[in-house]
């Protein structure tokens, strides 16, 4: 003989309360997980940023000393002032080209933001079923 099966009955309100509590717990745990992952990624990004900073400093020093070498080398065939002016003019052209390219990239970035804002405004309507 088997033991009698007891049925557990709950009201719809109790069931909805359980579902709401479980969803709340799930969302809280997901947010906590996302925070932990973001913290870990921020640490890794900080380390990578430090390495890029060191590389940028080394690159700057390389360019500086190569510029001094070019200035010194050119001063063997011309006056030292003219040699310095040629090296400075070269870097002025490089600066201008880099600034123009950077500015065009920035304009492209700004063109993306309005579309992102528009789609972000549509999310609440999509959740409501519109």
C-alpha atoms as a PDB file:
ATOM      1  CA  UNK A   1       0.000   0.000   0.000  1.00  0.00           C
ATOM      2  CA  UNK A   2       1.273   3.496  -0.820  1.00  0.00           C
ATOM      3  CA  UNK A   3       1.060   6.558   1.338  1.00  0.00           C
ATOM      4  CA  UNK A   4      -1.798   8.918   0.558  1.00  0.00           C
ATOM      5  CA  UNK A   5      -0.817  11.757  -1.741  1.00  0.00           C
ATOM      6  CA  UNK A   6      -1.543  15.154  -0.287  1.00  0.00           C
ATOM      7  CA  UNK A   7      -2.295  17.909  -2.706  1.00  0.00           C
ATOM      8  CA  UNK A   8      -0.977  21.346  -2.040  1.00  0.00           C
ATOM      9  CA  UNK A   9      -3.262  24.047  -3.296  1.00  0.00           C
ATOM     10  CA  UNK A  10      -2.315  27.660  -3.555  1.00  0.00           C
ATOM     11  CA  UNK A  11      -4.298  30.595  -4.660  1.00  0.00           C
ATOM     12  CA  UNK A  12      -3.458  32.428  -7.862  1.00  0.00           C
ATOM     13  CA  UNK A  13      -2.293  35.366  -5.771  1.00  0.00           C
ATOM     14  CA  UNK A  14       0.149  33.148  -3.874  1.00  0.00           C
ATOM     15  CA  UNK A  15       1.464  31.701  -7.143  1.00  0.00           C
ATOM     16  CA  UNK A  16       1.939  35.157  -8.638  1.00  0.00           C
ATOM     17  CA  UNK A  17       3.680  36.259  -5.450  1.00  0.00           C
ATOM     18  CA  UNK A  18       6.070  33.287  -5.718  1.00  0.00           C
ATOM     19  CA  UNK A  19       6.776  34.044  -9.377  1.00  0.00           C
ATOM     20  CA  UNK A  20       7.361  37.723  -8.636  1.00  0.00           C
ATOM     21  CA  UNK A  21       9.702  36.900  -5.743  1.00  0.00           C
ATOM     22  CA  UNK A  22      11.625  34.382  -7.864  1.00  0.00           C
ATOM     23  CA  UNK A  23      11.937  36.863 -10.744  1.00  0.00           C
ATOM     24  CA  UNK A  24      13.122  39.541  -8.343  1.00  0.00           C
ATOM     25  CA  UNK A  25      15.742  37.176  -6.913  1.00  0.00           C
ATOM     26  CA  UNK A  26      16.849  36.139 -10.398  1.00  0.00           C
ATOM     27  CA  UNK A  27      17.196  39.739 -11.566  1.00  0.00           C
ATOM     28  CA  UNK A  28      19.117  40.697  -8.422  1.00  0.00           C
ATOM     29  CA  UNK A  29      21.509  37.790  -8.924  1.00  0.00           C
ATOM     30  CA  UNK A  30      21.990  38.706 -12.591  1.00  0.00           C
ATOM     31  CA  UNK A  31      22.786  42.304 -11.651  1.00  0.00           C
ATOM     32  CA  UNK A  32      25.278  41.094  -9.030  1.00  0.00           C
ATOM     33  CA  UNK A  33      26.910  38.817 -11.616  1.00  0.00           C
ATOM     34  CA  UNK A  34      27.100  41.654 -14.133  1.00  0.00           C
ATOM     35  CA  UNK A  35      28.711  43.927 -11.508  1.00  0.00           C
ATOM     36  CA  UNK A  36      31.318  41.280 -10.684  1.00  0.00           C
ATOM     37  CA  UNK A  37      32.099  40.725 -14.364  1.00  0.00           C
ATOM     38  CA  UNK A  38      32.364  44.470 -15.013  1.00  0.00           C
ATOM     39  CA  UNK A  39      34.692  44.868 -12.039  1.00  0.00           C
ATOM     40  CA  UNK A  40      36.956  42.118 -13.388  1.00  0.00           C
ATOM     41  CA  UNK A  41      36.913  43.600 -16.878  1.00  0.00           C
ATOM     42  CA  UNK A  42      37.709  47.056 -15.475  1.00  0.00           C
ATOM     43  CA  UNK A  43      40.778  45.656 -13.715  1.00  0.00           C
ATOM     44  CA  UNK A  44      41.930  43.997 -16.934  1.00  0.00           C
ATOM     45  CA  UNK A  45      41.229  47.161 -18.942  1.00  0.00           C
ATOM     46  CA  UNK A  46      43.237  49.193 -16.414  1.00  0.00           C
ATOM     47  CA  UNK A  47      46.215  46.896 -16.815  1.00  0.00           C
ATOM     48  CA  UNK A  48      45.941  47.074 -20.605  1.00  0.00           C
ATOM     49  CA  UNK A  49      45.630  50.864 -20.407  1.00  0.00           C
ATOM     50  CA  UNK A  50      48.795  51.042 -18.342  1.00  0.00           C
ATOM     51  CA  UNK A  51      50.635  48.970 -20.924  1.00  0.00           C
ATOM     52  CA  UNK A  52      49.381  51.239 -23.719  1.00  0.00           C
ATOM     53  CA  UNK A  53      50.499  54.261 -21.706  1.00  0.00           C
ATOM     54  CA  UNK A  54      53.984  52.783 -21.379  1.00  0.00           C
ATOM     55  CA  UNK A  55      54.039  52.013 -25.094  1.00  0.00           C
ATOM     56  CA  UNK A  56      52.941  55.566 -25.896  1.00  0.00           C
ATOM     57  CA  UNK A  57      55.739  56.992 -23.757  1.00  0.00           C
ATOM     58  CA  UNK A  58      58.308  54.724 -25.418  1.00  0.00           C
ATOM     59  CA  UNK A  59      56.966  55.679 -28.845  1.00  0.00           C
ATOM     60  CA  UNK A  60      57.170  59.374 -27.990  1.00  0.00           C
ATOM     61  CA  UNK A  61      60.771  59.038 -26.851  1.00  0.00           C
ATOM     62  CA  UNK A  62      61.608  57.100 -30.021  1.00  0.00           C
ATOM     63  CA  UNK A  63      60.120  59.812 -32.223  1.00  0.00           C
ATOM     64  CA  UNK A  64      61.881  62.498 -30.181  1.00  0.00           C
ATOM     65  CA  UNK A  65      65.315  60.954 -30.523  1.00  0.00           C
ATOM     66  CA  UNK A  66      64.777  60.111 -34.207  1.00  0.00           C
ATOM     67  CA  UNK A  67      63.870  63.762 -34.734  1.00  0.00           C
ATOM     68  CA  UNK A  68      67.061  64.850 -32.975  1.00  0.00           C
ATOM     69  CA  UNK A  69      69.037  62.424 -35.138  1.00  0.00           C
ATOM     70  CA  UNK A  70      67.417  63.772 -38.327  1.00  0.00           C
ATOM     71  CA  UNK A  71      68.097  67.336 -37.209  1.00  0.00           C
ATOM     72  CA  UNK A  72      71.714  66.500 -36.455  1.00  0.00           C
ATOM     73  CA  UNK A  73      72.134  64.572 -39.706  1.00  0.00           C
ATOM     74  CA  UNK A  74      70.692  67.382 -41.803  1.00  0.00           C
ATOM     75  CA  UNK A  75      72.888  69.910 -40.021  1.00  0.00           C
ATOM     76  CA  UNK A  76      75.926  68.194 -41.622  1.00  0.00           C
ATOM     77  CA  UNK A  77      74.761  69.384 -45.054  1.00  0.00           C
ATOM     78  CA  UNK A  78      73.063  72.678 -44.169  1.00  0.00           C
ATOM     79  CA  UNK A  79      72.778  75.262 -41.454  1.00  0.00           C
ATOM     80  CA  UNK A  80      71.510  73.889 -38.133  1.00  0.00           C
ATOM     81  CA  UNK A  81      68.558  76.301 -38.040  1.00  0.00           C
ATOM     82  CA  UNK A  82      67.301  75.185 -41.457  1.00  0.00           C
ATOM     83  CA  UNK A  83      67.699  71.544 -40.476  1.00  0.00           C
ATOM     84  CA  UNK A  84      65.578  72.110 -37.358  1.00  0.00           C
ATOM     85  CA  UNK A  85      62.978  73.952 -39.429  1.00  0.00           C
ATOM     86  CA  UNK A  86      62.730  71.040 -41.904  1.00  0.00           C
ATOM     87  CA  UNK A  87      62.240  68.500 -39.111  1.00  0.00           C
ATOM     88  CA  UNK A  88      59.634  70.757 -37.425  1.00  0.00           C
ATOM     89  CA  UNK A  89      57.789  71.239 -40.755  1.00  0.00           C
ATOM     90  CA  UNK A  90      57.694  67.463 -41.248  1.00  0.00           C
ATOM     91  CA  UNK A  91      56.083  66.991 -37.825  1.00  0.00           C
ATOM     92  CA  UNK A  92      53.645  69.851 -38.512  1.00  0.00           C
ATOM     93  CA  UNK A  93      52.430  68.011 -41.628  1.00  0.00           C
ATOM     94  CA  UNK A  94      52.102  64.730 -39.700  1.00  0.00           C
ATOM     95  CA  UNK A  95      50.141  66.577 -36.985  1.00  0.00           C
ATOM     96  CA  UNK A  96      47.779  68.175 -39.508  1.00  0.00           C
ATOM     97  CA  UNK A  97      47.065  64.875 -41.268  1.00  0.00           C
ATOM     98  CA  UNK A  98      46.454  63.081 -37.977  1.00  0.00           C
ATOM     99  CA  UNK A  99      44.120  65.844 -36.765  1.00  0.00           C
ATOM    100  CA  UNK A 100      42.062  65.768 -39.982  1.00  0.00           C
ATOM    101  CA  UNK A 101      41.704  61.974 -39.862  1.00  0.00           C
ATOM    102  CA  UNK A 102      40.809  62.075 -36.159  1.00  0.00           C
ATOM    103  CA  UNK A 103      38.222  64.778 -36.741  1.00  0.00           C
ATOM    104  CA  UNK A 104      36.534  62.792 -39.509  1.00  0.00           C
ATOM    105  CA  UNK A 105      36.436  59.710 -37.259  1.00  0.00           C
ATOM    106  CA  UNK A 106      34.845  61.818 -34.493  1.00  0.00           C
ATOM    107  CA  UNK A 107      32.161  63.059 -36.891  1.00  0.00           C
ATOM    108  CA  UNK A 108      31.372  59.461 -37.855  1.00  0.00           C
ATOM    109  CA  UNK A 109      31.021  58.605 -34.173  1.00  0.00           C
ATOM    110  CA  UNK A 110      28.603  61.463 -33.585  1.00  0.00           C
ATOM    111  CA  UNK A 111      26.438  60.239 -36.485  1.00  0.00           C
ATOM    112  CA  UNK A 112      25.878  56.919 -34.697  1.00  0.00           C
ATOM    113  CA  UNK A 113      24.591  58.432 -31.461  1.00  0.00           C
ATOM    114  CA  UNK A 114      21.250  59.780 -32.772  1.00  0.00           C
ATOM    115  CA  UNK A 115      20.277  56.337 -34.097  1.00  0.00           C
ATOM    116  CA  UNK A 116      21.185  54.757 -30.768  1.00  0.00           C
ATOM    117  CA  UNK A 117      19.107  57.319 -28.898  1.00  0.00           C
ATOM    118  CA  UNK A 118      16.160  56.712 -31.224  1.00  0.00           C
ATOM    119  CA  UNK A 119      16.227  52.953 -30.723  1.00  0.00           C
ATOM    120  CA  UNK A 120      16.637  53.384 -26.970  1.00  0.00           C
ATOM    121  CA  UNK A 121      13.458  55.485 -26.936  1.00  0.00           C
ATOM    122  CA  UNK A 122      11.599  52.693 -28.750  1.00  0.00           C
ATOM    123  CA  UNK A 123      12.444  50.023 -26.142  1.00  0.00           C
ATOM    124  CA  UNK A 124       9.683  50.979 -23.649  1.00  0.00           C
ATOM    125  CA  UNK A 125       7.095  50.923 -26.458  1.00  0.00           C
ATOM    126  CA  UNK A 126       8.308  47.508 -27.588  1.00  0.00           C
ATOM    127  CA  UNK A 127       7.956  46.185 -24.046  1.00  0.00           C
ATOM    128  CA  UNK A 128       4.383  47.480 -23.947  1.00  0.00           C
ATOM    129  CA  UNK A 129       3.623  45.680 -27.219  1.00  0.00           C
ATOM    130  CA  UNK A 130       3.355  48.748 -29.461  1.00  0.00           C
END
